Amino acid sequence: MEATARSHLDPRQRYHGLDALRAFAMLLGVVLHVALYFQTSEGDAIWPIRDIERSELAGPLVLVIHIFRMPLFFMMAGFFAAMILERRGSMRFIGNRTLRIGVPFVIGWFILFPIVKFSFIFAMIHEGNPDVSESISTAASMLVYSGAWTDPVPMHLWFLYYLLILYAAVLGCGLLVQAITPLRRTWDAATNFIITSRWRLPVLIAATFGLLTTMDMPGADTPVDFIPHLPVLLYYGFFLLVGWALWKHRECVAGLHRGCWLRLLIGFVGLGGSTVLMIAYFLAAYERYGLDSTEARLLYYLTQAAIAITVWILILGSIGAAERIMRRHHPVIRYLVDASYWIYLAHLPLCVFLPALFRTWDVDGTLKMLLMIGLVTTLLLLAWQAILGIVPNRAARRPAAGQA
């Protein structure tokens, strides 16, 4: 039955919905990093700057995006990576991933790190000095004095860094699995059970919950340096493997059309509930109301369970809905899909610099946040359009499915 279903699949089929879903996750990076600046909480080590005008929407928005964005990212990365490996073979896969992930990571880091560092220095100086030109000049001097590439961190490019590690691990393990028959049979049986069985959702939720309980705080930890954080690597590696297995059983993608709207509805309700639980935990952690250690631990496990349930219902619902809606090529969506990788790579300096530049603008915090999101996105799209005018190769303008 399964073999029959797969025999009718077009091996060159383009998954417009999954392409759009991945692009949506990339574009949410702009929303996330602008919203961090407008949170009502005080600045922290990761994002030390805040606007004068705060937004009550910003904090929950950050948590909502944090819950499902990266799991979706890694699952889509696994799906499209498996597609490329099957279509092109191991050596061309390595070359493709080096060109599309490795090169942007290395070159992007060396270009972006000093710019992001300058933007943060400017933002912190501009909090106490309203003169823009003086703040820029002082920030530039401090950057030169401290060193443009000192105290390196992966920034938002940790996603690409972890992808490279996971791709290498999957390729290595894949060679081992293919070489040892019992391992291959075990892998085939496990992926078949996880993707196609009626117990799919409980198994995915249980595994995700187990991985989430290794985190320091509710949700998934955010990598802050180049030493891989094993709990995070395993957590997102699981989503990548599920996406990889989904490609093998890609006939199941069409099956997710059924009930997709109900899953999305339940997922959004779960997203709201998970966000409330996360806020409650963080309020307790900052001692705004008292919880003993047992109660705090119980709240932690309850939050992680809610997130595990929400993430999978939302991912499965969004895959079904996206593929159901996006059955064919749409020029505007295609343009945004092609631009999304560029926006992901280049957005962080603007998300730091521009809100800081308009820090003293006396406008409602939520409105200012939305305007900054729109401004950053518009500038990046204009830059993308300029890039298209420079790059002569049409292949560079319209990458094949799964390239990014």
Protein backbone atom coordinates (compact mmCIF):
# COMPACT_ATOMS: atom_id res chain seq x y z
CA MET A 1 0.00 0.00 0.00
CA GLU A 2 2.73 2.41 1.03
CA ALA A 3 4.90 1.46 -1.94
CA THR A 4 1.96 2.00 -4.27
CA ALA A 5 1.28 5.42 -2.82
CA ARG A 6 4.90 6.43 -3.19
CA SER A 7 5.19 5.13 -6.73
CA HIS A 8 2.74 7.79 -7.86
CA LEU A 9 4.76 10.63 -6.33
CA ASP A 10 6.49 13.02 -8.72
CA PRO A 11 10.18 12.85 -7.75
CA ARG A 12 10.61 16.47 -8.93
CA GLN A 13 7.52 17.78 -7.14
CA ARG A 14 7.90 21.23 -5.64
CA TYR A 15 6.39 21.72 -2.21
CA HIS A 16 5.20 25.31 -2.52
CA GLY A 17 3.49 25.26 0.87
CA LEU A 18 6.55 23.99 2.73
CA ASP A 19 8.72 26.51 0.89
CA ALA A 20 6.37 29.28 2.03
CA LEU A 21 6.27 27.90 5.58
CA ARG A 22 10.05 27.92 5.81
CA ALA A 23 10.17 31.46 4.44
CA PHE A 24 7.56 32.55 7.00
CA ALA A 25 9.77 31.18 9.79
CA MET A 26 12.74 33.12 8.41
CA LEU A 27 10.76 36.37 8.14
CA LEU A 28 9.64 35.97 11.76
CA GLY A 29 13.27 36.64 12.70
CA VAL A 30 12.66 40.33 11.99
CA VAL A 31 9.55 40.33 14.19
CA LEU A 32 11.35 38.50 17.00
CA HIS A 33 14.45 40.68 17.12
CA VAL A 34 12.57 43.96 16.87
CA ALA A 35 10.09 42.83 19.55
CA LEU A 36 12.98 42.08 21.93
CA TYR A 37 13.74 45.81 22.00
CA PHE A 38 10.21 46.76 23.07
CA GLN A 39 9.69 44.29 25.93
CA THR A 40 8.46 45.68 29.24
CA SER A 41 11.09 43.67 31.14
CA GLU A 42 14.50 45.16 31.84
CA GLY A 43 17.42 44.46 29.54
CA ASP A 44 19.37 41.23 30.00
CA ALA A 45 22.71 39.80 28.93
CA ILE A 46 21.37 38.61 25.56
CA TRP A 47 19.42 41.79 24.69
CA PRO A 48 20.55 44.61 27.03
CA ILE A 49 18.74 47.48 25.28
CA ARG A 50 15.14 48.66 25.55
CA ASP A 51 13.06 51.42 24.00
CA ILE A 52 11.68 54.31 26.06
CA GLU A 53 8.20 53.34 24.89
CA ARG A 54 7.51 49.71 25.81
CA SER A 55 4.87 47.39 24.35
CA GLU A 56 2.81 44.94 26.39
CA LEU A 57 2.54 42.87 23.20
CA ALA A 58 6.31 42.48 22.73
CA GLY A 59 7.08 40.01 25.53
CA PRO A 60 4.32 37.50 24.71
CA LEU A 61 5.16 37.86 21.00
CA VAL A 62 8.78 36.92 21.70
CA LEU A 63 7.69 33.84 23.68
CA VAL A 64 5.14 32.75 21.05
CA ILE A 65 7.73 32.92 18.26
CA HIS A 66 10.37 31.24 20.42
CA ILE A 67 8.12 28.25 21.11
CA PHE A 68 7.53 27.04 17.54
CA ARG A 69 9.78 28.91 15.09
CA MET A 70 13.04 27.01 15.45
CA PRO A 71 11.45 23.53 15.68
CA LEU A 72 9.63 24.33 12.42
CA PHE A 73 12.89 25.63 10.92
CA PHE A 74 14.83 22.47 11.71
CA MET A 75 12.06 20.15 10.57
CA MET A 76 11.85 21.92 7.22
CA ALA A 77 15.65 21.85 6.97
CA GLY A 78 15.61 18.09 7.47
CA PHE A 79 12.87 17.56 4.90
CA PHE A 80 14.57 19.57 2.15
CA ALA A 81 18.03 18.21 2.98
CA ALA A 82 16.76 14.64 2.57
CA MET A 83 15.21 15.68 -0.74
CA ILE A 84 18.51 17.07 -2.02
CA LEU A 85 20.44 14.00 -0.85
CA GLU A 86 18.06 11.63 -2.66
CA ARG A 87 18.01 13.67 -5.85
CA ARG A 88 21.72 14.52 -6.08
CA GLY A 89 23.70 11.95 -4.09
CA SER A 90 26.13 12.37 -1.20
CA MET A 91 28.95 14.30 -2.88
CA ARG A 92 26.68 16.84 -4.55
CA PHE A 93 24.74 17.13 -1.30
CA ILE A 94 27.94 18.03 0.55
CA GLY A 95 28.84 20.57 -2.12
CA ASN A 96 25.34 22.06 -2.09
CA ARG A 97 25.20 22.36 1.70
CA THR A 98 28.70 23.82 1.81
CA LEU A 99 27.74 26.47 -0.74
CA ARG A 100 24.28 27.23 0.67
CA ILE A 101 24.94 26.89 4.42
CA GLY A 102 28.68 26.77 5.12
CA VAL A 103 29.80 29.69 2.94
CA PRO A 104 27.01 32.07 4.08
CA PHE A 105 27.75 31.12 7.69
CA VAL A 106 31.50 31.80 7.50
CA ILE A 107 31.44 34.88 5.27
CA GLY A 108 28.25 36.18 6.86
CA TRP A 109 29.70 35.88 10.34
CA PHE A 110 32.89 37.79 9.51
CA ILE A 111 30.89 40.57 7.84
CA LEU A 112 27.97 40.74 10.26
CA PHE A 113 29.64 40.29 13.64
CA PRO A 114 31.40 43.69 13.74
CA ILE A 115 28.30 45.40 12.31
CA VAL A 116 26.04 43.84 14.94
CA LYS A 117 28.60 44.65 17.64
CA PHE A 118 28.71 48.28 16.48
CA SER A 119 24.90 48.43 16.44
CA PHE A 120 24.66 47.24 20.05
CA ILE A 121 27.37 49.67 21.17
CA PHE A 122 25.56 52.51 19.39
CA ALA A 123 22.23 51.52 20.96
CA MET A 124 23.68 51.50 24.48
CA ILE A 125 25.48 54.82 23.99
CA HIS A 126 22.44 56.44 22.39
CA GLU A 127 20.39 55.64 25.50
CA GLY A 128 22.40 58.29 27.37
CA ASN A 129 23.35 60.57 24.49
CA PRO A 130 20.53 61.79 22.21
CA ASP A 131 23.00 63.19 19.65
CA VAL A 132 23.01 60.63 16.84
CA SER A 133 26.27 61.68 15.17
CA GLU A 134 28.15 61.68 18.49
CA SER A 135 26.74 58.29 19.40
CA ILE A 136 27.77 56.84 16.03
CA SER A 137 31.26 58.34 16.28
CA THR A 138 31.76 57.09 19.84
CA ALA A 139 30.45 53.63 18.93
CA ALA A 140 32.84 53.40 15.97
CA SER A 141 35.78 54.43 18.17
CA MET A 142 34.84 51.88 20.82
CA LEU A 143 34.52 49.15 18.19
CA VAL A 144 38.02 49.88 16.87
CA TYR A 145 39.44 50.09 20.40
CA SER A 146 37.83 46.85 21.63
CA GLY A 147 38.46 44.96 18.39
CA ALA A 148 35.88 44.19 15.73
CA TRP A 149 36.03 40.40 16.15
CA THR A 150 36.82 40.04 19.85
CA ASP A 151 34.48 38.07 22.16
CA PRO A 152 32.97 36.15 19.22
CA VAL A 153 29.47 34.68 19.46
CA PRO A 154 27.48 32.99 16.67
CA MET A 155 24.60 35.54 16.89
CA HIS A 156 21.50 34.48 14.95
CA LEU A 157 23.73 32.42 12.66
CA TRP A 158 23.85 29.68 15.30
CA PHE A 159 21.06 28.06 13.26
CA LEU A 160 23.41 27.57 10.31
CA TYR A 161 26.22 26.44 12.63
CA TYR A 162 24.04 23.78 14.21
CA LEU A 163 22.73 22.71 10.81
CA LEU A 164 26.28 22.04 9.60
CA ILE A 165 26.98 19.93 12.69
CA LEU A 166 23.74 18.00 12.30
CA TYR A 167 24.23 17.44 8.56
CA ALA A 168 27.68 15.98 9.24
CA ALA A 169 26.27 13.77 12.00
CA VAL A 170 23.35 12.56 9.88
CA LEU A 171 25.60 11.77 6.90
CA GLY A 172 28.04 9.87 9.11
CA CYS A 173 25.31 7.94 10.90
CA GLY A 174 23.58 7.32 7.57
CA LEU A 175 26.68 5.61 6.16
CA LEU A 176 26.85 3.45 9.27
CA VAL A 177 23.16 2.56 9.11
CA GLN A 178 23.37 1.65 5.44
CA ALA A 179 26.41 -0.53 6.07
CA ILE A 180 24.87 -2.55 8.92
CA THR A 181 21.67 -4.35 7.94
CA PRO A 182 20.13 -4.64 11.44
CA LEU A 183 20.64 -0.92 11.99
CA ARG A 184 19.06 -0.13 8.63
CA ARG A 185 16.02 -2.27 9.44
CA THR A 186 15.70 -0.66 12.88
CA TRP A 187 15.90 2.84 11.38
CA ASP A 188 13.34 2.00 8.69
CA ALA A 189 10.96 0.51 11.25
CA ALA A 190 11.39 3.46 13.63
CA THR A 191 10.79 6.12 10.97
CA ASN A 192 7.85 4.21 9.56
CA PHE A 193 6.30 4.00 13.04
CA ILE A 194 6.94 7.67 13.90
CA ILE A 195 5.66 9.07 10.60
CA THR A 196 2.86 6.73 9.57
CA SER A 197 1.41 5.04 12.65
CA ARG A 198 -1.65 6.17 14.59
CA TRP A 199 0.67 6.66 17.59
CA ARG A 200 2.67 9.27 15.69
CA LEU A 201 1.54 12.29 17.70
CA PRO A 202 1.91 10.78 21.21
CA VAL A 203 5.39 9.46 20.33
CA LEU A 204 6.53 12.81 18.92
CA ILE A 205 5.15 14.68 21.93
CA ALA A 206 6.71 12.28 24.46
CA ALA A 207 10.15 12.44 22.81
CA THR A 208 9.98 16.23 22.58
CA PHE A 209 8.94 16.54 26.22
CA GLY A 210 11.85 14.37 27.29
CA LEU A 211 14.30 16.54 25.36
CA LEU A 212 12.74 19.76 26.69
CA THR A 213 13.25 18.64 30.29
CA THR A 214 17.02 18.91 29.73
CA MET A 215 16.74 22.68 29.25
CA ASP A 216 17.59 25.24 31.93
CA MET A 217 14.38 27.24 31.51
CA PRO A 218 10.95 26.62 29.92
CA GLY A 219 11.13 26.37 26.15
CA ALA A 220 14.44 25.65 24.42
CA ASP A 221 17.70 27.29 25.48
CA THR A 222 19.31 29.72 23.02
CA PRO A 223 22.95 28.97 22.09
CA VAL A 224 25.21 31.89 23.03
CA ASP A 225 28.67 30.66 22.00
CA PHE A 226 30.46 28.40 19.55
CA ILE A 227 30.68 25.44 21.92
CA PRO A 228 27.67 23.31 20.90
CA HIS A 229 25.09 23.05 23.68
CA LEU A 230 24.27 19.34 23.68
CA PRO A 231 20.64 19.57 24.93
CA VAL A 232 19.84 22.14 22.24
CA LEU A 233 21.68 20.15 19.57
CA LEU A 234 19.74 16.99 20.45
CA TYR A 235 16.43 18.86 20.68
CA TYR A 236 16.65 20.49 17.28
CA GLY A 237 18.38 17.42 15.85
CA PHE A 238 15.24 15.45 16.66
CA PHE A 239 13.11 17.85 14.60
CA LEU A 240 15.61 17.65 11.75
CA LEU A 241 15.45 13.84 11.82
CA VAL A 242 11.65 13.87 11.80
CA GLY A 243 11.73 16.19 8.78
CA TRP A 244 14.27 13.87 7.15
CA ALA A 245 12.01 10.87 7.77
CA LEU A 246 8.99 12.79 6.48
CA TRP A 247 10.69 13.11 3.09
CA LYS A 248 10.97 9.32 2.92
CA HIS A 249 7.24 9.09 3.70
CA ARG A 250 6.27 12.27 1.84
CA GLU A 251 2.94 10.78 0.81
CA CYS A 252 1.95 11.62 4.40
CA VAL A 253 2.20 15.36 3.62
CA ALA A 254 -1.01 15.18 1.58
CA GLY A 255 -2.65 13.28 4.43
CA LEU A 256 -2.01 16.24 6.72
CA HIS A 257 -4.48 18.30 4.65
CA ARG A 258 -7.29 16.57 6.50
CA GLY A 259 -8.04 18.20 9.82
CA CYS A 260 -5.38 20.88 9.35
CA TRP A 261 -7.66 23.76 10.40
CA LEU A 262 -8.69 21.98 13.58
CA ARG A 263 -5.04 21.25 14.37
CA LEU A 264 -4.17 24.91 13.81
CA LEU A 265 -7.01 26.03 16.07
CA ILE A 266 -5.92 23.65 18.83
CA GLY A 267 -2.30 24.66 18.24
CA PHE A 268 -3.04 28.37 18.61
CA VAL A 269 -4.98 27.71 21.82
CA GLY A 270 -2.04 25.67 23.06
CA LEU A 271 0.32 28.45 22.04
CA GLY A 272 -1.63 30.89 24.18
CA GLY A 273 -1.68 28.48 27.11
CA SER A 274 2.04 27.71 26.81
CA THR A 275 2.85 31.42 26.70
CA VAL A 276 0.81 32.07 29.85
CA LEU A 277 2.62 29.22 31.63
CA MET A 278 6.02 30.57 30.54
CA ILE A 279 5.13 34.05 31.79
CA ALA A 280 3.95 32.57 35.11
CA TYR A 281 7.22 30.67 35.46
CA PHE A 282 9.38 33.71 34.72
CA LEU A 283 7.37 35.87 37.11
CA ALA A 284 7.94 33.24 39.80
CA ALA A 285 11.63 33.03 38.93
CA TYR A 286 12.00 36.77 39.46
CA GLU A 287 10.16 36.43 42.81
CA ARG A 288 7.19 38.55 41.90
CA TYR A 289 5.16 35.93 43.68
CA GLY A 290 6.35 33.10 45.84
CA LEU A 291 6.72 29.47 44.78
CA ASP A 292 8.74 26.90 46.63
CA SER A 293 11.19 24.73 44.69
CA THR A 294 8.74 21.85 44.29
CA GLU A 295 6.01 24.11 42.92
CA ALA A 296 8.48 25.84 40.60
CA ARG A 297 9.68 22.47 39.27
CA LEU A 298 6.12 21.30 38.74
CA LEU A 299 5.35 24.50 36.82
CA TYR A 300 8.49 23.94 34.74
CA TYR A 301 7.43 20.39 33.76
CA LEU A 302 3.86 21.50 33.08
CA THR A 303 5.12 24.28 30.81
CA GLN A 304 7.45 21.95 28.91
CA ALA A 305 4.63 19.42 28.44
CA ALA A 306 2.33 22.14 27.10
CA ILE A 307 5.05 23.30 24.70
CA ALA A 308 5.73 19.75 23.46
CA ILE A 309 2.04 19.22 22.72
CA THR A 310 1.61 22.65 21.14
CA VAL A 311 4.68 22.47 18.92
CA TRP A 312 3.67 19.24 17.20
CA ILE A 313 0.00 20.04 16.77
CA LEU A 314 0.96 23.44 15.35
CA ILE A 315 3.67 22.06 13.05
CA LEU A 316 1.47 19.28 11.65
CA GLY A 317 -1.43 21.71 11.24
CA SER A 318 0.69 24.35 9.53
CA ILE A 319 2.23 21.81 7.12
CA GLY A 320 -1.21 20.58 6.12
CA ALA A 321 -2.66 24.07 5.79
CA ALA A 322 0.33 25.44 3.85
CA GLU A 323 0.33 22.59 1.33
CA ARG A 324 -3.45 22.76 1.04
CA ILE A 325 -3.42 26.50 0.28
CA MET A 326 -0.23 26.67 -1.81
CA ARG A 327 -0.96 24.08 -4.49
CA ARG A 328 0.73 26.02 -7.27
CA HIS A 329 3.27 28.74 -7.98
CA HIS A 330 2.33 32.25 -6.80
CA PRO A 331 4.63 35.09 -7.97
CA VAL A 332 4.43 37.23 -4.81
CA ILE A 333 4.93 34.29 -2.45
CA ARG A 334 7.74 32.99 -4.68
CA TYR A 335 9.45 36.39 -4.46
CA LEU A 336 9.22 36.41 -0.64
CA VAL A 337 10.45 32.81 -0.48
CA ASP A 338 13.50 33.71 -2.58
CA ALA A 339 14.16 36.83 -0.47
CA SER A 340 13.66 35.15 2.90
CA TYR A 341 17.15 33.64 3.21
CA TRP A 342 18.73 37.02 2.51
CA ILE A 343 16.44 38.64 5.07
CA TYR A 344 17.35 36.00 7.64
CA LEU A 345 21.08 36.54 7.08
CA ALA A 346 21.08 40.34 7.02
CA HIS A 347 18.31 41.47 9.37
CA LEU A 348 19.97 41.55 12.80
CA PRO A 349 22.06 44.77 12.50
CA LEU A 350 19.00 46.70 11.31
CA CYS A 351 16.84 45.20 14.08
CA VAL A 352 19.30 46.62 16.61
CA PHE A 353 20.30 49.91 14.97
CA LEU A 354 17.02 51.28 13.62
CA PRO A 355 14.89 50.96 16.81
CA ALA A 356 17.77 52.52 18.75
CA LEU A 357 17.96 55.34 16.22
CA PHE A 358 14.25 56.13 16.79
CA ARG A 359 14.45 55.55 20.54
CA THR A 360 13.33 59.06 21.51
CA TRP A 361 10.43 59.12 19.04
CA ASP A 362 7.36 59.75 21.18
CA VAL A 363 4.99 57.16 19.73
CA ASP A 364 3.00 54.35 21.35
CA GLY A 365 5.35 51.40 21.91
CA THR A 366 3.26 48.83 20.03
CA LEU A 367 2.79 51.14 17.06
CA LYS A 368 6.50 51.97 17.01
CA MET A 369 7.37 48.26 17.16
CA LEU A 370 5.12 47.50 14.18
CA LEU A 371 6.56 50.44 12.24
CA MET A 372 10.12 49.27 12.95
CA ILE A 373 9.24 45.74 11.76
CA GLY A 374 7.81 47.23 8.57
CA LEU A 375 10.81 49.54 8.06
CA VAL A 376 13.41 46.80 8.54
CA THR A 377 11.54 44.43 6.22
CA THR A 378 11.08 47.11 3.56
CA LEU A 379 14.76 48.09 3.56
CA LEU A 380 15.84 44.47 3.28
CA LEU A 381 13.43 43.83 0.40
CA LEU A 382 14.74 46.92 -1.39
CA ALA A 383 18.27 45.64 -0.90
CA TRP A 384 17.18 42.23 -2.24
CA GLN A 385 15.71 43.88 -5.31
CA ALA A 386 19.00 45.69 -5.84
CA ILE A 387 20.86 42.37 -5.56
CA LEU A 388 18.58 40.89 -8.23
CA GLY A 389 19.50 43.79 -10.48
CA ILE A 390 23.20 43.04 -10.05
CA VAL A 391 23.26 39.23 -10.17
CA PRO A 392 23.05 38.21 -13.85
CA ASN A 393 22.50 34.49 -13.29
CA ARG A 394 18.79 33.61 -13.22
CA ALA A 395 19.59 30.50 -11.20
CA ALA A 396 20.73 32.81 -8.41
CA ARG A 397 17.43 34.63 -8.58
CA ARG A 398 15.25 31.51 -8.37
CA PRO A 399 16.98 28.79 -6.35
CA ALA A 400 15.61 25.29 -6.64
CA ALA A 401 13.40 23.92 -3.93
CA GLY A 402 15.19 23.16 -0.72
CA GLN A 403 18.30 25.17 -1.56
CA ALA A 404 18.29 27.40 1.49
